[in-house]
């Protein structure tokens, strides 16, 4: 494995310390329960994309009680999935999850496939989610790398204050750290994510609580300010098209019947505090984008969830 800075700590030392910590300190997330199905793991991965775990938990519990299998969700209207998604954000994920459920029910006998390629063939599942399900639901050995994992590797192994932009080498770096034992490798994938989420955080790492602080290259080097160039900041949510789309979706989720298109467009203006001069085209643009994404269905001057 290519490295930067000082040599990496031995793989066995790093994984043993991190796995032992995880066994004692991991958060009790409902989808980590031993009886969680592969479907439950898949749902958790869809919901957790760009969403804080604390927000996901109540939605996941409600979802799994209502739709405990792919076929249960597949039998529902897509709009019900969008409605149940509530305010998790990025509601297209709800549509994709519904389509994936239909595909699993029809192609795989209502069983989430374990094979990465079969998972990748499902709607809404990319390389990260496919590997995560294969590892966390089936115990297969693959590197699973999210933002938190990348930060842990950057600091503990590469001696850098932060990770750079995502790159293909991230998987190579993680694969080089995985224990040879199958179960230990699955635990290490989860442990690295967990450490980055609750201890080795981006802004205020808690090195005093870190189980690998004594072998962390960044700490050993005196916390050098050597972070790579930061990515551009995400556009502000207030006054954005995302906010306008969210206002329209909020109206449709709460409606018991189709609403007038004019009312849906008007909802995009409600409660907004746009930055700078208002964009008069934004409400209609937001509405049209929701229709184009398949999140709304328009007919005879009315609009509803799909």
C-alpha atoms as a PDB file:
ATOM      1  CA  UNK A   1       0.000   0.000   0.000  1.00  0.00           C
ATOM      2  CA  UNK A   2       1.275   3.437  -0.916  1.00  0.00           C
ATOM      3  CA  UNK A   3       1.668   5.606   2.160  1.00  0.00           C
ATOM      4  CA  UNK A   4       2.439   9.184   2.970  1.00  0.00           C
ATOM      5  CA  UNK A   5       4.587  10.265   5.883  1.00  0.00           C
ATOM      6  CA  UNK A   6       5.650   7.734   8.542  1.00  0.00           C
ATOM      7  CA  UNK A   7       5.154   3.978   8.118  1.00  0.00           C
ATOM      8  CA  UNK A   8       1.720   2.674   9.059  1.00  0.00           C
ATOM      9  CA  UNK A   9       1.240   0.822  12.350  1.00  0.00           C
ATOM     10  CA  UNK A  10       1.066  -2.957  12.014  1.00  0.00           C
ATOM     11  CA  UNK A  11      -2.271  -4.095  10.624  1.00  0.00           C
ATOM     12  CA  UNK A  12      -2.858  -6.590  13.419  1.00  0.00           C
ATOM     13  CA  UNK A  13      -2.198  -4.019  16.151  1.00  0.00           C
ATOM     14  CA  UNK A  14      -4.531  -1.462  14.636  1.00  0.00           C
ATOM     15  CA  UNK A  15      -7.405  -3.849  13.936  1.00  0.00           C
ATOM     16  CA  UNK A  16      -7.139  -5.671  17.266  1.00  0.00           C
ATOM     17  CA  UNK A  17      -7.296  -2.457  19.278  1.00  0.00           C
ATOM     18  CA  UNK A  18     -10.116  -0.986  17.213  1.00  0.00           C
ATOM     19  CA  UNK A  19     -12.197  -4.166  17.202  1.00  0.00           C
ATOM     20  CA  UNK A  20     -11.840  -4.603  20.964  1.00  0.00           C
ATOM     21  CA  UNK A  21     -12.993  -1.021  21.480  1.00  0.00           C
ATOM     22  CA  UNK A  22     -15.953  -1.500  19.136  1.00  0.00           C
ATOM     23  CA  UNK A  23     -17.162  -4.599  20.948  1.00  0.00           C
ATOM     24  CA  UNK A  24     -17.406  -2.544  24.161  1.00  0.00           C
ATOM     25  CA  UNK A  25     -18.307   0.928  22.926  1.00  0.00           C
ATOM     26  CA  UNK A  26     -20.368   0.627  19.741  1.00  0.00           C
ATOM     27  CA  UNK A  27     -23.662   2.485  19.708  1.00  0.00           C
ATOM     28  CA  UNK A  28     -26.699   0.243  20.049  1.00  0.00           C
ATOM     29  CA  UNK A  29     -28.237   0.969  16.664  1.00  0.00           C
ATOM     30  CA  UNK A  30     -31.343  -1.116  15.925  1.00  0.00           C
ATOM     31  CA  UNK A  31     -30.045  -2.435  12.616  1.00  0.00           C
ATOM     32  CA  UNK A  32     -26.999  -3.850  14.404  1.00  0.00           C
ATOM     33  CA  UNK A  33     -29.183  -6.269  16.395  1.00  0.00           C
ATOM     34  CA  UNK A  34     -28.296  -9.924  15.710  1.00  0.00           C
ATOM     35  CA  UNK A  35     -31.765 -10.705  14.337  1.00  0.00           C
ATOM     36  CA  UNK A  36     -31.766  -7.858  11.801  1.00  0.00           C
ATOM     37  CA  UNK A  37     -32.427  -9.154   8.310  1.00  0.00           C
ATOM     38  CA  UNK A  38     -30.457  -8.240   5.217  1.00  0.00           C
ATOM     39  CA  UNK A  39     -33.474  -6.169   4.192  1.00  0.00           C
ATOM     40  CA  UNK A  40     -33.193  -4.205   7.434  1.00  0.00           C
ATOM     41  CA  UNK A  41     -29.519  -3.561   6.768  1.00  0.00           C
ATOM     42  CA  UNK A  42     -30.300  -2.418   3.228  1.00  0.00           C
ATOM     43  CA  UNK A  43     -32.989  -0.021   4.460  1.00  0.00           C
ATOM     44  CA  UNK A  44     -30.586   1.424   7.035  1.00  0.00           C
ATOM     45  CA  UNK A  45     -27.987   2.067   4.353  1.00  0.00           C
ATOM     46  CA  UNK A  46     -30.487   3.868   2.111  1.00  0.00           C
ATOM     47  CA  UNK A  47     -31.695   6.016   4.990  1.00  0.00           C
ATOM     48  CA  UNK A  48     -28.252   6.822   6.378  1.00  0.00           C
ATOM     49  CA  UNK A  49     -26.884   8.358   3.182  1.00  0.00           C
ATOM     50  CA  UNK A  50     -26.101  12.001   3.998  1.00  0.00           C
ATOM     51  CA  UNK A  51     -28.350  11.785   7.074  1.00  0.00           C
ATOM     52  CA  UNK A  52     -27.403  11.709  10.758  1.00  0.00           C
ATOM     53  CA  UNK A  53     -27.919   8.343  12.431  1.00  0.00           C
ATOM     54  CA  UNK A  54     -29.986   9.862  15.253  1.00  0.00           C
ATOM     55  CA  UNK A  55     -32.526  11.091  12.712  1.00  0.00           C
ATOM     56  CA  UNK A  56     -32.627   7.739  10.942  1.00  0.00           C
ATOM     57  CA  UNK A  57     -33.442   5.534  13.957  1.00  0.00           C
ATOM     58  CA  UNK A  58     -37.157   6.397  14.442  1.00  0.00           C
ATOM     59  CA  UNK A  59     -37.812   6.299  10.691  1.00  0.00           C
ATOM     60  CA  UNK A  60     -36.088   2.924  10.356  1.00  0.00           C
ATOM     61  CA  UNK A  61     -38.098   1.454  13.219  1.00  0.00           C
ATOM     62  CA  UNK A  62     -41.391   2.680  11.732  1.00  0.00           C
ATOM     63  CA  UNK A  63     -40.427   1.505   8.247  1.00  0.00           C
ATOM     64  CA  UNK A  64     -39.433  -1.982   9.354  1.00  0.00           C
ATOM     65  CA  UNK A  65     -42.627  -2.412  11.365  1.00  0.00           C
ATOM     66  CA  UNK A  66     -44.722  -1.388   8.366  1.00  0.00           C
ATOM     67  CA  UNK A  67     -42.673  -3.085   5.637  1.00  0.00           C
ATOM     68  CA  UNK A  68     -40.622  -5.903   7.202  1.00  0.00           C
ATOM     69  CA  UNK A  69     -39.831  -7.513   3.832  1.00  0.00           C
ATOM     70  CA  UNK A  70     -39.123  -6.270   0.308  1.00  0.00           C
ATOM     71  CA  UNK A  71     -42.404  -7.730  -0.940  1.00  0.00           C
ATOM     72  CA  UNK A  72     -44.340  -5.823   1.714  1.00  0.00           C
ATOM     73  CA  UNK A  73     -42.946  -2.539   0.430  1.00  0.00           C
ATOM     74  CA  UNK A  74     -43.297  -3.618  -3.207  1.00  0.00           C
ATOM     75  CA  UNK A  75     -47.033  -4.148  -2.652  1.00  0.00           C
ATOM     76  CA  UNK A  76     -47.466  -0.536  -1.545  1.00  0.00           C
ATOM     77  CA  UNK A  77     -47.813   2.440  -3.857  1.00  0.00           C
ATOM     78  CA  UNK A  78     -44.517   4.294  -4.454  1.00  0.00           C
ATOM     79  CA  UNK A  79     -46.139   7.410  -3.063  1.00  0.00           C
ATOM     80  CA  UNK A  80     -46.612   5.686   0.285  1.00  0.00           C
ATOM     81  CA  UNK A  81     -42.853   5.155   0.474  1.00  0.00           C
ATOM     82  CA  UNK A  82     -42.286   8.838  -0.286  1.00  0.00           C
ATOM     83  CA  UNK A  83     -44.861   9.807   2.349  1.00  0.00           C
ATOM     84  CA  UNK A  84     -43.262   7.539   4.970  1.00  0.00           C
ATOM     85  CA  UNK A  85     -39.862   9.026   4.190  1.00  0.00           C
ATOM     86  CA  UNK A  86     -41.104  12.222   5.867  1.00  0.00           C
ATOM     87  CA  UNK A  87     -38.261  14.714   6.395  1.00  0.00           C
ATOM     88  CA  UNK A  88     -35.268  12.416   5.970  1.00  0.00           C
ATOM     89  CA  UNK A  89     -34.235  14.437   2.931  1.00  0.00           C
ATOM     90  CA  UNK A  90     -33.406  13.470  -0.648  1.00  0.00           C
ATOM     91  CA  UNK A  91     -36.818  11.787  -1.168  1.00  0.00           C
ATOM     92  CA  UNK A  92     -35.683  10.166  -4.401  1.00  0.00           C
ATOM     93  CA  UNK A  93     -34.062   7.610  -2.106  1.00  0.00           C
ATOM     94  CA  UNK A  94     -37.558   6.495  -1.086  1.00  0.00           C
ATOM     95  CA  UNK A  95     -38.521   5.904  -4.708  1.00  0.00           C
ATOM     96  CA  UNK A  96     -35.285   4.060  -5.388  1.00  0.00           C
ATOM     97  CA  UNK A  97     -35.776   1.879  -2.329  1.00  0.00           C
ATOM     98  CA  UNK A  98     -39.302   1.034  -3.458  1.00  0.00           C
ATOM     99  CA  UNK A  99     -38.046   0.075  -6.915  1.00  0.00           C
ATOM    100  CA  UNK A 100     -35.276  -2.001  -5.377  1.00  0.00           C
ATOM    101  CA  UNK A 101     -37.879  -3.774  -3.237  1.00  0.00           C
ATOM    102  CA  UNK A 102     -39.895  -4.648  -6.343  1.00  0.00           C
ATOM    103  CA  UNK A 103     -36.757  -5.974  -8.025  1.00  0.00           C
ATOM    104  CA  UNK A 104     -35.775  -8.052  -4.990  1.00  0.00           C
ATOM    105  CA  UNK A 105     -39.282  -9.503  -4.697  1.00  0.00           C
ATOM    106  CA  UNK A 106     -39.481 -10.359  -8.405  1.00  0.00           C
ATOM    107  CA  UNK A 107     -35.913 -11.390  -9.220  1.00  0.00           C
ATOM    108  CA  UNK A 108     -34.601 -12.809  -5.958  1.00  0.00           C
ATOM    109  CA  UNK A 109     -37.553 -14.485  -4.281  1.00  0.00           C
ATOM    110  CA  UNK A 110     -37.962 -11.688  -1.717  1.00  0.00           C
ATOM    111  CA  UNK A 111     -34.403 -12.194  -0.442  1.00  0.00           C
ATOM    112  CA  UNK A 112     -31.780  -9.461  -0.599  1.00  0.00           C
ATOM    113  CA  UNK A 113     -28.895 -10.885  -2.664  1.00  0.00           C
ATOM    114  CA  UNK A 114     -25.495 -11.280  -1.040  1.00  0.00           C
ATOM    115  CA  UNK A 115     -23.436 -10.906  -4.204  1.00  0.00           C
ATOM    116  CA  UNK A 116     -22.035  -7.432  -4.812  1.00  0.00           C
ATOM    117  CA  UNK A 117     -22.737  -7.519  -8.549  1.00  0.00           C
ATOM    118  CA  UNK A 118     -26.349  -8.584  -7.927  1.00  0.00           C
ATOM    119  CA  UNK A 119     -26.729  -5.767  -5.421  1.00  0.00           C
ATOM    120  CA  UNK A 120     -25.282  -3.262  -7.878  1.00  0.00           C
ATOM    121  CA  UNK A 121     -27.947  -4.273 -10.402  1.00  0.00           C
ATOM    122  CA  UNK A 122     -30.688  -3.030  -8.059  1.00  0.00           C
ATOM    123  CA  UNK A 123     -32.071   0.500  -8.352  1.00  0.00           C
ATOM    124  CA  UNK A 124     -30.361   3.095  -6.170  1.00  0.00           C
ATOM    125  CA  UNK A 125     -27.490   0.874  -5.035  1.00  0.00           C
ATOM    126  CA  UNK A 126     -23.966   2.052  -5.773  1.00  0.00           C
ATOM    127  CA  UNK A 127     -20.573   0.538  -4.951  1.00  0.00           C
ATOM    128  CA  UNK A 128     -20.533   1.705  -1.322  1.00  0.00           C
ATOM    129  CA  UNK A 129     -24.021   0.409  -0.487  1.00  0.00           C
ATOM    130  CA  UNK A 130     -23.429  -2.889  -2.276  1.00  0.00           C
ATOM    131  CA  UNK A 131     -20.262  -3.579  -0.286  1.00  0.00           C
ATOM    132  CA  UNK A 132     -21.842  -2.392   2.963  1.00  0.00           C
ATOM    133  CA  UNK A 133     -24.776  -4.792   2.609  1.00  0.00           C
ATOM    134  CA  UNK A 134     -22.496  -7.672   1.587  1.00  0.00           C
ATOM    135  CA  UNK A 135     -20.336  -7.064   4.666  1.00  0.00           C
ATOM    136  CA  UNK A 136     -22.810  -6.039   7.365  1.00  0.00           C
ATOM    137  CA  UNK A 137     -25.653  -8.348   6.348  1.00  0.00           C
ATOM    138  CA  UNK A 138     -23.729 -11.368   5.081  1.00  0.00           C
ATOM    139  CA  UNK A 139     -20.267 -11.090   6.618  1.00  0.00           C
ATOM    140  CA  UNK A 140     -18.401 -11.048   3.316  1.00  0.00           C
ATOM    141  CA  UNK A 141     -14.912  -9.569   3.183  1.00  0.00           C
ATOM    142  CA  UNK A 142     -14.793  -6.273   1.297  1.00  0.00           C
ATOM    143  CA  UNK A 143     -13.412  -2.852   2.212  1.00  0.00           C
ATOM    144  CA  UNK A 144     -16.267  -0.502   3.147  1.00  0.00           C
ATOM    145  CA  UNK A 145     -15.207   3.140   3.140  1.00  0.00           C
ATOM    146  CA  UNK A 146     -17.269   6.174   4.079  1.00  0.00           C
ATOM    147  CA  UNK A 147     -16.236   9.700   5.069  1.00  0.00           C
ATOM    148  CA  UNK A 148     -15.557   8.653   8.656  1.00  0.00           C
ATOM    149  CA  UNK A 149     -13.384   5.707   7.611  1.00  0.00           C
ATOM    150  CA  UNK A 150     -11.356   7.883   5.288  1.00  0.00           C
ATOM    151  CA  UNK A 151     -10.668  10.341   8.115  1.00  0.00           C
ATOM    152  CA  UNK A 152      -9.515   7.580  10.471  1.00  0.00           C
ATOM    153  CA  UNK A 153      -7.135   6.154   7.867  1.00  0.00           C
ATOM    154  CA  UNK A 154      -5.807   9.607   6.979  1.00  0.00           C
ATOM    155  CA  UNK A 155      -4.957  10.386  10.590  1.00  0.00           C
ATOM    156  CA  UNK A 156      -4.015   7.048  12.129  1.00  0.00           C
ATOM    157  CA  UNK A 157      -2.152   5.556   9.173  1.00  0.00           C
ATOM    158  CA  UNK A 158      -1.104   8.393   6.883  1.00  0.00           C
ATOM    159  CA  UNK A 159      -0.407  11.075   9.491  1.00  0.00           C
ATOM    160  CA  UNK A 160      -2.638  13.665   7.869  1.00  0.00           C
ATOM    161  CA  UNK A 161      -5.089  16.001   9.578  1.00  0.00           C
ATOM    162  CA  UNK A 162      -7.875  15.101   7.154  1.00  0.00           C
ATOM    163  CA  UNK A 163      -8.563  12.945   4.143  1.00  0.00           C
ATOM    164  CA  UNK A 164      -8.414  14.339   0.645  1.00  0.00           C
ATOM    165  CA  UNK A 165     -11.100  14.020  -1.978  1.00  0.00           C
ATOM    166  CA  UNK A 166     -12.510  10.475  -2.400  1.00  0.00           C
ATOM    167  CA  UNK A 167     -10.335   8.375  -4.674  1.00  0.00           C
ATOM    168  CA  UNK A 168      -9.978   4.809  -5.886  1.00  0.00           C
ATOM    169  CA  UNK A 169      -7.013   4.296  -3.562  1.00  0.00           C
ATOM    170  CA  UNK A 170      -9.329   4.629  -0.542  1.00  0.00           C
ATOM    171  CA  UNK A 171     -10.483   1.047  -1.075  1.00  0.00           C
ATOM    172  CA  UNK A 172      -6.900  -0.141  -1.492  1.00  0.00           C
ATOM    173  CA  UNK A 173      -5.897   1.581   1.745  1.00  0.00           C
ATOM    174  CA  UNK A 174      -8.769  -0.003   3.670  1.00  0.00           C
ATOM    175  CA  UNK A 175      -8.250  -3.436   2.126  1.00  0.00           C
ATOM    176  CA  UNK A 176      -4.630  -3.371   3.316  1.00  0.00           C
ATOM    177  CA  UNK A 177      -5.842  -2.903   6.904  1.00  0.00           C
ATOM    178  CA  UNK A 178      -8.538  -5.598   6.964  1.00  0.00           C
ATOM    179  CA  UNK A 179      -7.817  -8.595   9.212  1.00  0.00           C
ATOM    180  CA  UNK A 180      -7.522 -11.908   7.433  1.00  0.00           C
ATOM    181  CA  UNK A 181     -10.274 -13.410   9.578  1.00  0.00           C
ATOM    182  CA  UNK A 182     -13.684 -12.929   7.934  1.00  0.00           C
ATOM    183  CA  UNK A 183     -15.606 -11.973  11.076  1.00  0.00           C
ATOM    184  CA  UNK A 184     -12.845  -9.680  12.311  1.00  0.00           C
ATOM    185  CA  UNK A 185     -12.760  -7.946   8.924  1.00  0.00           C
ATOM    186  CA  UNK A 186     -16.490  -7.214   9.070  1.00  0.00           C
ATOM    187  CA  UNK A 187     -16.111  -5.846  12.603  1.00  0.00           C
ATOM    188  CA  UNK A 188     -13.159  -3.699  11.588  1.00  0.00           C
ATOM    189  CA  UNK A 189     -15.176  -2.117   8.759  1.00  0.00           C
ATOM    190  CA  UNK A 190     -17.858  -1.127  11.260  1.00  0.00           C
ATOM    191  CA  UNK A 191     -15.347  -0.107  13.927  1.00  0.00           C
ATOM    192  CA  UNK A 192     -13.456   2.295  11.670  1.00  0.00           C
ATOM    193  CA  UNK A 193     -16.703   4.017  10.714  1.00  0.00           C
ATOM    194  CA  UNK A 194     -17.795   4.184  14.333  1.00  0.00           C
ATOM    195  CA  UNK A 195     -14.508   5.664  15.493  1.00  0.00           C
ATOM    196  CA  UNK A 196     -14.726   8.401  12.886  1.00  0.00           C
ATOM    197  CA  UNK A 197     -18.344   9.120  13.762  1.00  0.00           C
ATOM    198  CA  UNK A 198     -18.051   9.482  17.531  1.00  0.00           C
ATOM    199  CA  UNK A 199     -14.357   9.860  18.471  1.00  0.00           C
ATOM    200  CA  UNK A 200     -12.128  10.822  15.542  1.00  0.00           C
ATOM    201  CA  UNK A 201     -14.507  13.545  14.429  1.00  0.00           C
ATOM    202  CA  UNK A 202     -13.679  16.178  11.866  1.00  0.00           C
ATOM    203  CA  UNK A 203     -13.711  19.298  14.059  1.00  0.00           C
ATOM    204  CA  UNK A 204     -13.012  18.084  17.599  1.00  0.00           C
ATOM    205  CA  UNK A 205     -11.349  14.675  17.743  1.00  0.00           C
ATOM    206  CA  UNK A 206     -11.435  13.142  21.222  1.00  0.00           C
ATOM    207  CA  UNK A 207      -7.949  11.680  21.288  1.00  0.00           C
ATOM    208  CA  UNK A 208      -8.220  11.037  25.026  1.00  0.00           C
ATOM    209  CA  UNK A 209     -10.963   8.477  24.276  1.00  0.00           C
ATOM    210  CA  UNK A 210      -9.352   6.950  21.202  1.00  0.00           C
ATOM    211  CA  UNK A 211      -8.341   3.272  21.432  1.00  0.00           C
ATOM    212  CA  UNK A 212      -5.575   3.714  18.856  1.00  0.00           C
ATOM    213  CA  UNK A 213      -4.196   7.059  20.042  1.00  0.00           C
ATOM    214  CA  UNK A 214      -0.863   5.437  20.966  1.00  0.00           C
ATOM    215  CA  UNK A 215      -0.307   4.292  17.379  1.00  0.00           C
ATOM    216  CA  UNK A 216      -1.893   7.234  15.558  1.00  0.00           C
ATOM    217  CA  UNK A 217       0.604   8.749  13.118  1.00  0.00           C
ATOM    218  CA  UNK A 218      -1.030  12.190  13.136  1.00  0.00           C
ATOM    219  CA  UNK A 219      -1.009  12.399  16.935  1.00  0.00           C
ATOM    220  CA  UNK A 220       2.541  11.051  17.090  1.00  0.00           C
ATOM    221  CA  UNK A 221       3.681  13.756  14.683  1.00  0.00           C
ATOM    222  CA  UNK A 222       2.238  16.484  16.918  1.00  0.00           C
ATOM    223  CA  UNK A 223      -1.004  17.109  15.025  1.00  0.00           C
ATOM    224  CA  UNK A 224       0.529  18.829  11.972  1.00  0.00           C
ATOM    225  CA  UNK A 225      -1.732  21.168  10.027  1.00  0.00           C
ATOM    226  CA  UNK A 226      -1.290  19.231   6.801  1.00  0.00           C
ATOM    227  CA  UNK A 227      -4.857  18.702   5.631  1.00  0.00           C
ATOM    228  CA  UNK A 228      -5.283  18.602   1.856  1.00  0.00           C
ATOM    229  CA  UNK A 229      -7.129  21.375   0.072  1.00  0.00           C
ATOM    230  CA  UNK A 230     -10.739  21.513   1.174  1.00  0.00           C
ATOM    231  CA  UNK A 231     -13.574  20.825  -1.231  1.00  0.00           C
ATOM    232  CA  UNK A 232     -15.910  23.738  -2.083  1.00  0.00           C
ATOM    233  CA  UNK A 233     -18.587  24.345   0.515  1.00  0.00           C
ATOM    234  CA  UNK A 234     -22.077  23.082  -0.232  1.00  0.00           C
ATOM    235  CA  UNK A 235     -24.508  25.826  -1.196  1.00  0.00           C
ATOM    236  CA  UNK A 236     -26.607  27.170   1.670  1.00  0.00           C
ATOM    237  CA  UNK A 237     -29.935  25.397   2.173  1.00  0.00           C
ATOM    238  CA  UNK A 238     -31.882  28.546   3.102  1.00  0.00           C
ATOM    239  CA  UNK A 239     -33.429  29.979  -0.050  1.00  0.00           C
ATOM    240  CA  UNK A 240     -32.168  27.119  -2.233  1.00  0.00           C
ATOM    241  CA  UNK A 241     -34.022  24.995  -4.774  1.00  0.00           C
ATOM    242  CA  UNK A 242     -33.681  22.113  -2.303  1.00  0.00           C
ATOM    243  CA  UNK A 243     -35.641  24.079   0.267  1.00  0.00           C
ATOM    244  CA  UNK A 244     -38.303  24.966  -2.297  1.00  0.00           C
ATOM    245  CA  UNK A 245     -38.619  21.300  -3.307  1.00  0.00           C
ATOM    246  CA  UNK A 246     -38.916  20.349   0.347  1.00  0.00           C
ATOM    247  CA  UNK A 247     -41.803  22.774   0.872  1.00  0.00           C
ATOM    248  CA  UNK A 248     -43.725  21.231  -2.018  1.00  0.00           C
ATOM    249  CA  UNK A 249     -43.065  17.697  -0.779  1.00  0.00           C
ATOM    250  CA  UNK A 250     -44.178  18.676   2.726  1.00  0.00           C
ATOM    251  CA  UNK A 251     -47.523  19.820   1.316  1.00  0.00           C
ATOM    252  CA  UNK A 252     -48.039  16.660  -0.740  1.00  0.00           C
ATOM    253  CA  UNK A 253     -47.080  14.305   2.096  1.00  0.00           C
ATOM    254  CA  UNK A 254     -49.646  15.899   4.382  1.00  0.00           C
ATOM    255  CA  UNK A 255     -52.440  15.970   1.771  1.00  0.00           C
ATOM    256  CA  UNK A 256     -55.153  13.305   1.811  1.00  0.00           C
ATOM    257  CA  UNK A 257     -56.116  14.060  -1.796  1.00  0.00           C
ATOM    258  CA  UNK A 258     -54.478  15.540  -4.906  1.00  0.00           C
ATOM    259  CA  UNK A 259     -53.825  19.269  -4.695  1.00  0.00           C
ATOM    260  CA  UNK A 260     -53.930  21.952  -7.349  1.00  0.00           C
ATOM    261  CA  UNK A 261     -50.719  22.486  -9.251  1.00  0.00           C
ATOM    262  CA  UNK A 262     -50.935  26.206  -8.459  1.00  0.00           C
ATOM    263  CA  UNK A 263     -51.093  25.414  -4.733  1.00  0.00           C
ATOM    264  CA  UNK A 264     -48.079  23.120  -5.006  1.00  0.00           C
ATOM    265  CA  UNK A 265     -46.069  25.819  -6.777  1.00  0.00           C
ATOM    266  CA  UNK A 266     -47.196  28.389  -4.209  1.00  0.00           C
ATOM    267  CA  UNK A 267     -46.027  26.113  -1.379  1.00  0.00           C
ATOM    268  CA  UNK A 268     -42.453  26.549  -2.607  1.00  0.00           C
ATOM    269  CA  UNK A 269     -42.650  30.199  -1.564  1.00  0.00           C
ATOM    270  CA  UNK A 270     -44.037  29.571   1.934  1.00  0.00           C
ATOM    271  CA  UNK A 271     -41.724  30.487   4.780  1.00  0.00           C
ATOM    272  CA  UNK A 272     -38.709  31.094   2.568  1.00  0.00           C
ATOM    273  CA  UNK A 273     -36.093  33.676   3.436  1.00  0.00           C
ATOM    274  CA  UNK A 274     -34.174  33.854   0.157  1.00  0.00           C
ATOM    275  CA  UNK A 275     -30.663  35.202   0.154  1.00  0.00           C
ATOM    276  CA  UNK A 276     -30.416  38.308  -1.968  1.00  0.00           C
ATOM    277  CA  UNK A 277     -33.075  39.115  -4.546  1.00  0.00           C
ATOM    278  CA  UNK A 278     -35.899  36.540  -4.809  1.00  0.00           C
ATOM    279  CA  UNK A 279     -35.807  34.256  -7.834  1.00  0.00           C
ATOM    280  CA  UNK A 280     -39.340  34.399  -9.301  1.00  0.00           C
ATOM    281  CA  UNK A 281     -38.680  31.318 -11.434  1.00  0.00           C
ATOM    282  CA  UNK A 282     -37.591  29.140  -8.517  1.00  0.00           C
ATOM    283  CA  UNK A 283     -41.001  27.821  -7.338  1.00  0.00           C
ATOM    284  CA  UNK A 284     -41.961  26.539 -10.777  1.00  0.00           C
ATOM    285  CA  UNK A 285     -38.443  25.236 -11.381  1.00  0.00           C
ATOM    286  CA  UNK A 286     -38.579  23.305  -8.110  1.00  0.00           C
ATOM    287  CA  UNK A 287     -41.999  21.895  -8.977  1.00  0.00           C
ATOM    288  CA  UNK A 288     -40.951  20.849 -12.481  1.00  0.00           C
ATOM    289  CA  UNK A 289     -37.842  19.121 -11.143  1.00  0.00           C
ATOM    290  CA  UNK A 290     -39.959  17.040  -8.747  1.00  0.00           C
ATOM    291  CA  UNK A 291     -42.201  15.955 -11.618  1.00  0.00           C
ATOM    292  CA  UNK A 292     -39.147  15.113 -13.731  1.00  0.00           C
ATOM    293  CA  UNK A 293     -37.722  13.038 -10.874  1.00  0.00           C
ATOM    294  CA  UNK A 294     -40.931  11.024 -10.628  1.00  0.00           C
ATOM    295  CA  UNK A 295     -41.681  12.264  -7.122  1.00  0.00           C
ATOM    296  CA  UNK A 296     -44.915  13.949  -8.239  1.00  0.00           C
ATOM    297  CA  UNK A 297     -47.583  12.932 -10.746  1.00  0.00           C
ATOM    298  CA  UNK A 298     -49.555  15.686 -12.498  1.00  0.00           C
ATOM    299  CA  UNK A 299     -52.965  15.183 -14.120  1.00  0.00           C
ATOM    300  CA  UNK A 300     -55.769  17.575 -15.134  1.00  0.00           C
ATOM    301  CA  UNK A 301     -54.392  20.487 -13.139  1.00  0.00           C
ATOM    302  CA  UNK A 302     -53.875  18.405 -10.009  1.00  0.00           C
ATOM    303  CA  UNK A 303     -50.782  16.778  -8.545  1.00  0.00           C
ATOM    304  CA  UNK A 304     -50.223  13.879  -6.146  1.00  0.00           C
ATOM    305  CA  UNK A 305     -47.508  11.588  -4.917  1.00  0.00           C
ATOM    306  CA  UNK A 306     -46.814   8.631  -7.286  1.00  0.00           C
END
